[in-house]
Amino acid sequence: MTRPGSTPRSDSEAYPYPVAEDVTAMIRYALIAGWTPETLGGTFPLTSAADLALPNFLITDLP
């Protein structure tokens, strides 16, 4: 299942790519949670504990 504006990968699995609205929602969430992107490195760990819902996406933690 792909969403409008997303392109599935060319291999046998089809995962939707985030569209602009998804990226905007993640950035907005990170900023509200205290992310400071101007800091050198500027990363924000988004984990499954995040209170963020994105349609058709599941946030999972890697071991």
PDB file of N, CA and C in Angstrom:
ATOM      1  N   MET A   1       0.853  -1.176   0.000  1.00  0.00           N
ATOM      2  CA  MET A   1       0.000   0.000   0.000  1.00  0.00           C
ATOM      3  C   MET A   1       0.893   1.232   0.000  1.00  0.00           C
ATOM      4  N   THR A   2       0.709   2.105  -0.951  1.00  0.00           N
ATOM      5  CA  THR A   2       1.470   3.345  -0.980  1.00  0.00           C
ATOM      6  C   THR A   2       0.519   4.520  -0.877  1.00  0.00           C
ATOM      7  N   ARG A   3       1.043   5.584  -0.356  1.00  0.00           N
ATOM      8  CA  ARG A   3       0.246   6.796  -0.209  1.00  0.00           C
ATOM      9  C   ARG A   3       0.484   7.703  -1.396  1.00  0.00           C
ATOM     10  N   PRO A   4      -0.453   8.581  -1.688  1.00  0.00           N
ATOM     11  CA  PRO A   4      -0.235   9.545  -2.765  1.00  0.00           C
ATOM     12  C   PRO A   4       1.032  10.339  -2.482  1.00  0.00           C
ATOM     13  N   GLY A   5       1.855  10.522  -3.484  1.00  0.00           N
ATOM     14  CA  GLY A   5       3.087  11.269  -3.319  1.00  0.00           C
ATOM     15  C   GLY A   5       4.246  10.419  -2.832  1.00  0.00           C
ATOM     16  N   SER A   6       4.034   9.123  -2.611  1.00  0.00           N
ATOM     17  CA  SER A   6       5.114   8.258  -2.178  1.00  0.00           C
ATOM     18  C   SER A   6       5.446   7.270  -3.277  1.00  0.00           C
ATOM     19  N   THR A   7       6.666   6.774  -3.263  1.00  0.00           N
ATOM     20  CA  THR A   7       7.113   5.836  -4.269  1.00  0.00           C
ATOM     21  C   THR A   7       7.637   4.589  -3.581  1.00  0.00           C
ATOM     22  N   PRO A   8       7.127   3.396  -3.927  1.00  0.00           N
ATOM     23  CA  PRO A   8       7.637   2.187  -3.284  1.00  0.00           C
ATOM     24  C   PRO A   8       9.048   1.881  -3.751  1.00  0.00           C
ATOM     25  N   ARG A   9       9.781   1.141  -2.928  1.00  0.00           N
ATOM     26  CA  ARG A   9      11.118   0.708  -3.311  1.00  0.00           C
ATOM     27  C   ARG A   9      11.011  -0.237  -4.492  1.00  0.00           C
ATOM     28  N   SER A  10      12.110  -0.393  -5.223  1.00  0.00           N
ATOM     29  CA  SER A  10      12.068  -1.212  -6.426  1.00  0.00           C
ATOM     30  C   SER A  10      12.232  -2.703  -6.161  1.00  0.00           C
ATOM     31  N   ASP A  11      12.554  -3.098  -4.917  1.00  0.00           N
ATOM     32  CA  ASP A  11      12.684  -4.524  -4.649  1.00  0.00           C
ATOM     33  C   ASP A  11      11.323  -5.126  -4.305  1.00  0.00           C
ATOM     34  N   SER A  12      11.307  -6.315  -3.755  1.00  0.00           N
ATOM     35  CA  SER A  12      10.050  -7.030  -3.542  1.00  0.00           C
ATOM     36  C   SER A  12       9.195  -6.460  -2.412  1.00  0.00           C
ATOM     37  N   GLU A  13       9.748  -5.625  -1.557  1.00  0.00           N
ATOM     38  CA  GLU A  13       8.979  -5.035  -0.465  1.00  0.00           C
ATOM     39  C   GLU A  13       8.544  -3.630  -0.850  1.00  0.00           C
ATOM     40  N   ALA A  14       7.370  -3.244  -0.417  1.00  0.00           N
ATOM     41  CA  ALA A  14       6.859  -1.909  -0.741  1.00  0.00           C
ATOM     42  C   ALA A  14       6.605  -1.140   0.552  1.00  0.00           C
ATOM     43  N   TYR A  15       7.497  -0.232   0.873  1.00  0.00           N
ATOM     44  CA  TYR A  15       7.333   0.621   2.032  1.00  0.00           C
ATOM     45  C   TYR A  15       7.065   2.036   1.553  1.00  0.00           C
ATOM     46  N   PRO A  16       6.099   2.722   2.143  1.00  0.00           N
ATOM     47  CA  PRO A  16       5.859   4.100   1.717  1.00  0.00           C
ATOM     48  C   PRO A  16       6.974   5.018   2.204  1.00  0.00           C
ATOM     49  N   TYR A  17       7.348   5.952   1.380  1.00  0.00           N
ATOM     50  CA  TYR A  17       8.308   6.963   1.791  1.00  0.00           C
ATOM     51  C   TYR A  17       7.542   8.086   2.472  1.00  0.00           C
ATOM     52  N   PRO A  18       8.160   8.765   3.428  1.00  0.00           N
ATOM     53  CA  PRO A  18       7.454   9.883   4.062  1.00  0.00           C
ATOM     54  C   PRO A  18       7.239  11.019   3.060  1.00  0.00           C
ATOM     55  N   VAL A  19       6.081  11.592   3.089  1.00  0.00           N
ATOM     56  CA  VAL A  19       5.790  12.761   2.263  1.00  0.00           C
ATOM     57  C   VAL A  19       6.073  14.002   3.107  1.00  0.00           C
ATOM     58  N   ALA A  20       5.998  15.170   2.500  1.00  0.00           N
ATOM     59  CA  ALA A  20       6.353  16.417   3.182  1.00  0.00           C
ATOM     60  C   ALA A  20       5.578  16.601   4.488  1.00  0.00           C
ATOM     61  N   GLU A  21       4.316  16.222   4.508  1.00  0.00           N
ATOM     62  CA  GLU A  21       3.505  16.390   5.712  1.00  0.00           C
ATOM     63  C   GLU A  21       4.036  15.523   6.861  1.00  0.00           C
ATOM     64  N   ASP A  22       4.538  14.311   6.527  1.00  0.00           N
ATOM     65  CA  ASP A  22       5.109  13.434   7.548  1.00  0.00           C
ATOM     66  C   ASP A  22       6.375  14.045   8.135  1.00  0.00           C
ATOM     67  N   VAL A  23       7.242  14.542   7.260  1.00  0.00           N
ATOM     68  CA  VAL A  23       8.499  15.148   7.709  1.00  0.00           C
ATOM     69  C   VAL A  23       8.212  16.383   8.551  1.00  0.00           C
ATOM     70  N   THR A  24       7.260  17.191   8.126  1.00  0.00           N
ATOM     71  CA  THR A  24       6.888  18.380   8.885  1.00  0.00           C
ATOM     72  C   THR A  24       6.372  17.998  10.267  1.00  0.00           C
ATOM     73  N   ALA A  25       5.554  16.963  10.349  1.00  0.00           N
ATOM     74  CA  ALA A  25       5.025  16.515  11.644  1.00  0.00           C
ATOM     75  C   ALA A  25       6.147  16.038  12.554  1.00  0.00           C
ATOM     76  N   MET A  26       7.129  15.304  11.992  1.00  0.00           N
ATOM     77  CA  MET A  26       8.257  14.839  12.811  1.00  0.00           C
ATOM     78  C   MET A  26       9.109  16.000  13.301  1.00  0.00           C
ATOM     79  N   ILE A  27       9.364  16.970  12.447  1.00  0.00           N
ATOM     80  CA  ILE A  27      10.152  18.141  12.850  1.00  0.00           C
ATOM     81  C   ILE A  27       9.408  18.934  13.908  1.00  0.00           C
ATOM     82  N   ARG A  28       8.113  19.150  13.710  1.00  0.00           N
ATOM     83  CA  ARG A  28       7.316  19.893  14.694  1.00  0.00           C
ATOM     84  C   ARG A  28       7.345  19.180  16.048  1.00  0.00           C
ATOM     85  N   TYR A  29       7.176  17.863  16.037  1.00  0.00           N
ATOM     86  CA  TYR A  29       7.219  17.079  17.278  1.00  0.00           C
ATOM     87  C   TYR A  29       8.574  17.246  17.964  1.00  0.00           C
ATOM     88  N   ALA A  30       9.651  17.113  17.207  1.00  0.00           N
ATOM     89  CA  ALA A  30      10.995  17.212  17.777  1.00  0.00           C
ATOM     90  C   ALA A  30      11.251  18.596  18.365  1.00  0.00           C
ATOM     91  N   LEU A  31      10.822  19.648  17.681  1.00  0.00           N
ATOM     92  CA  LEU A  31      11.017  21.007  18.196  1.00  0.00           C
ATOM     93  C   LEU A  31      10.259  21.213  19.509  1.00  0.00           C
ATOM     94  N   ILE A  32       9.025  20.736  19.574  1.00  0.00           N
ATOM     95  CA  ILE A  32       8.229  20.863  20.799  1.00  0.00           C
ATOM     96  C   ILE A  32       8.869  20.064  21.934  1.00  0.00           C
ATOM     97  N   ALA A  33       9.500  18.929  21.584  1.00  0.00           N
ATOM     98  CA  ALA A  33      10.126  18.067  22.591  1.00  0.00           C
ATOM     99  C   ALA A  33      11.516  18.551  23.007  1.00  0.00           C
ATOM    100  N   GLY A  34      11.978  19.664  22.429  1.00  0.00           N
ATOM    101  CA  GLY A  34      13.242  20.236  22.868  1.00  0.00           C
ATOM    102  C   GLY A  34      14.418  20.090  21.923  1.00  0.00           C
ATOM    103  N   TRP A  35      14.195  19.610  20.715  1.00  0.00           N
ATOM    104  CA  TRP A  35      15.274  19.479  19.744  1.00  0.00           C
ATOM    105  C   TRP A  35      15.799  20.851  19.375  1.00  0.00           C
ATOM    106  N   THR A  36      17.114  20.999  19.353  1.00  0.00           N
ATOM    107  CA  THR A  36      17.750  22.241  18.922  1.00  0.00           C
ATOM    108  C   THR A  36      18.578  21.939  17.675  1.00  0.00           C
ATOM    109  N   PRO A  37      17.992  22.091  16.497  1.00  0.00           N
ATOM    110  CA  PRO A  37      18.673  21.706  15.260  1.00  0.00           C
ATOM    111  C   PRO A  37      19.926  22.526  14.967  1.00  0.00           C
ATOM    112  N   GLU A  38      20.036  23.701  15.562  1.00  0.00           N
ATOM    113  CA  GLU A  38      21.224  24.518  15.311  1.00  0.00           C
ATOM    114  C   GLU A  38      22.449  23.989  16.050  1.00  0.00           C
ATOM    115  N   THR A  39      22.251  23.070  16.991  1.00  0.00           N
ATOM    116  CA  THR A  39      23.358  22.439  17.694  1.00  0.00           C
ATOM    117  C   THR A  39      24.126  21.555  16.730  1.00  0.00           C
ATOM    118  N   LEU A  40      25.453  21.578  16.814  1.00  0.00           N
ATOM    119  CA  LEU A  40      26.289  20.769  15.942  1.00  0.00           C
ATOM    120  C   LEU A  40      25.847  19.309  16.002  1.00  0.00           C
ATOM    121  N   GLY A  41      25.584  18.733  14.888  1.00  0.00           N
ATOM    122  CA  GLY A  41      25.084  17.356  14.829  1.00  0.00           C
ATOM    123  C   GLY A  41      23.583  17.344  14.712  1.00  0.00           C
ATOM    124  N   GLY A  42      22.902  18.154  15.489  1.00  0.00           N
ATOM    125  CA  GLY A  42      21.472  18.385  15.399  1.00  0.00           C
ATOM    126  C   GLY A  42      20.577  17.171  15.242  1.00  0.00           C
ATOM    127  N   THR A  43      20.899  16.044  15.852  1.00  0.00           N
ATOM    128  CA  THR A  43      20.040  14.869  15.704  1.00  0.00           C
ATOM    129  C   THR A  43      18.996  14.812  16.813  1.00  0.00           C
ATOM    130  N   PHE A  44      17.919  14.112  16.536  1.00  0.00           N
ATOM    131  CA  PHE A  44      16.868  13.915  17.523  1.00  0.00           C
ATOM    132  C   PHE A  44      16.417  12.467  17.441  1.00  0.00           C
ATOM    133  N   PRO A  45      16.624  11.690  18.510  1.00  0.00           N
ATOM    134  CA  PRO A  45      16.195  10.293  18.461  1.00  0.00           C
ATOM    135  C   PRO A  45      14.677  10.180  18.603  1.00  0.00           C
ATOM    136  N   LEU A  46      14.042   9.668  17.590  1.00  0.00           N
ATOM    137  CA  LEU A  46      12.600   9.462  17.605  1.00  0.00           C
ATOM    138  C   LEU A  46      12.363   7.996  17.918  1.00  0.00           C
ATOM    139  N   THR A  47      11.783   7.711  19.074  1.00  0.00           N
ATOM    140  CA  THR A  47      11.598   6.323  19.510  1.00  0.00           C
ATOM    141  C   THR A  47      10.122   5.948  19.514  1.00  0.00           C
ATOM    142  N   SER A  48       9.865   4.685  19.743  1.00  0.00           N
ATOM    143  CA  SER A  48       8.485   4.204  19.771  1.00  0.00           C
ATOM    144  C   SER A  48       7.708   4.785  20.954  1.00  0.00           C
ATOM    145  N   ALA A  49       8.409   5.328  21.944  1.00  0.00           N
ATOM    146  CA  ALA A  49       7.741   5.945  23.081  1.00  0.00           C
ATOM    147  C   ALA A  49       7.192   7.338  22.741  1.00  0.00           C
ATOM    148  N   ALA A  50       7.537   7.852  21.575  1.00  0.00           N
ATOM    149  CA  ALA A  50       7.085   9.186  21.163  1.00  0.00           C
ATOM    150  C   ALA A  50       5.568   9.213  21.008  1.00  0.00           C
ATOM    151  N   ASP A  51       4.989  10.308  21.422  1.00  0.00           N
ATOM    152  CA  ASP A  51       3.545  10.502  21.268  1.00  0.00           C
ATOM    153  C   ASP A  51       3.297  11.171  19.916  1.00  0.00           C
ATOM    154  N   LEU A  52       3.596  10.428  18.864  1.00  0.00           N
ATOM    155  CA  LEU A  52       3.497  10.934  17.507  1.00  0.00           C
ATOM    156  C   LEU A  52       2.815   9.881  16.642  1.00  0.00           C
ATOM    157  N   ALA A  53       1.746  10.260  16.007  1.00  0.00           N
ATOM    158  CA  ALA A  53       1.021   9.330  15.144  1.00  0.00           C
ATOM    159  C   ALA A  53       1.137   9.796  13.699  1.00  0.00           C
ATOM    160  N   LEU A  54       1.657   8.915  12.860  1.00  0.00           N
ATOM    161  CA  LEU A  54       1.741   9.196  11.436  1.00  0.00           C
ATOM    162  C   LEU A  54       0.975   8.096  10.706  1.00  0.00           C
ATOM    163  N   PRO A  55      -0.031   8.455   9.912  1.00  0.00           N
ATOM    164  CA  PRO A  55      -0.808   7.442   9.203  1.00  0.00           C
ATOM    165  C   PRO A  55       0.100   6.566   8.338  1.00  0.00           C
ATOM    166  N   ASN A  56      -0.113   5.268   8.394  1.00  0.00           N
ATOM    167  CA  ASN A  56       0.609   4.285   7.582  1.00  0.00           C
ATOM    168  C   ASN A  56       2.069   4.100   7.968  1.00  0.00           C
ATOM    169  N   PHE A  57       2.493   4.665   9.101  1.00  0.00           N
ATOM    170  CA  PHE A  57       3.865   4.480   9.563  1.00  0.00           C
ATOM    171  C   PHE A  57       3.856   3.947  10.985  1.00  0.00           C
ATOM    172  N   LEU A  58       4.833   3.137  11.280  1.00  0.00           N
ATOM    173  CA  LEU A  58       5.013   2.594  12.621  1.00  0.00           C
ATOM    174  C   LEU A  58       6.441   2.903  13.037  1.00  0.00           C
ATOM    175  N   ILE A  59       6.602   3.628  14.128  1.00  0.00           N
ATOM    176  CA  ILE A  59       7.926   3.945  14.641  1.00  0.00           C
ATOM    177  C   ILE A  59       8.380   2.807  15.535  1.00  0.00           C
ATOM    178  N   THR A  60       9.495   2.195  15.211  1.00  0.00           N
ATOM    179  CA  THR A  60      10.018   1.094  16.006  1.00  0.00           C
ATOM    180  C   THR A  60      11.431   1.407  16.447  1.00  0.00           C
ATOM    181  N   ASP A  61      11.844   0.804  17.542  1.00  0.00           N
ATOM    182  CA  ASP A  61      13.204   0.988  18.044  1.00  0.00           C
ATOM    183  C   ASP A  61      14.078  -0.143  17.533  1.00  0.00           C
ATOM    184  N   LEU A  62      15.265   0.192  17.091  1.00  0.00           N
ATOM    185  CA  LEU A  62      16.217  -0.820  16.663  1.00  0.00           C
ATOM    186  C   LEU A  62      17.026  -1.287  17.871  1.00  0.00           C
ATOM    187  N   PRO A  63      17.378  -2.568  17.907  1.00  0.00           N
ATOM    188  CA  PRO A  63      18.153  -3.068  19.067  1.00  0.00           C
ATOM    189  C   PRO A  63      19.553  -2.490  19.094  1.00  0.00           C
TER     190      PRO A  63
END
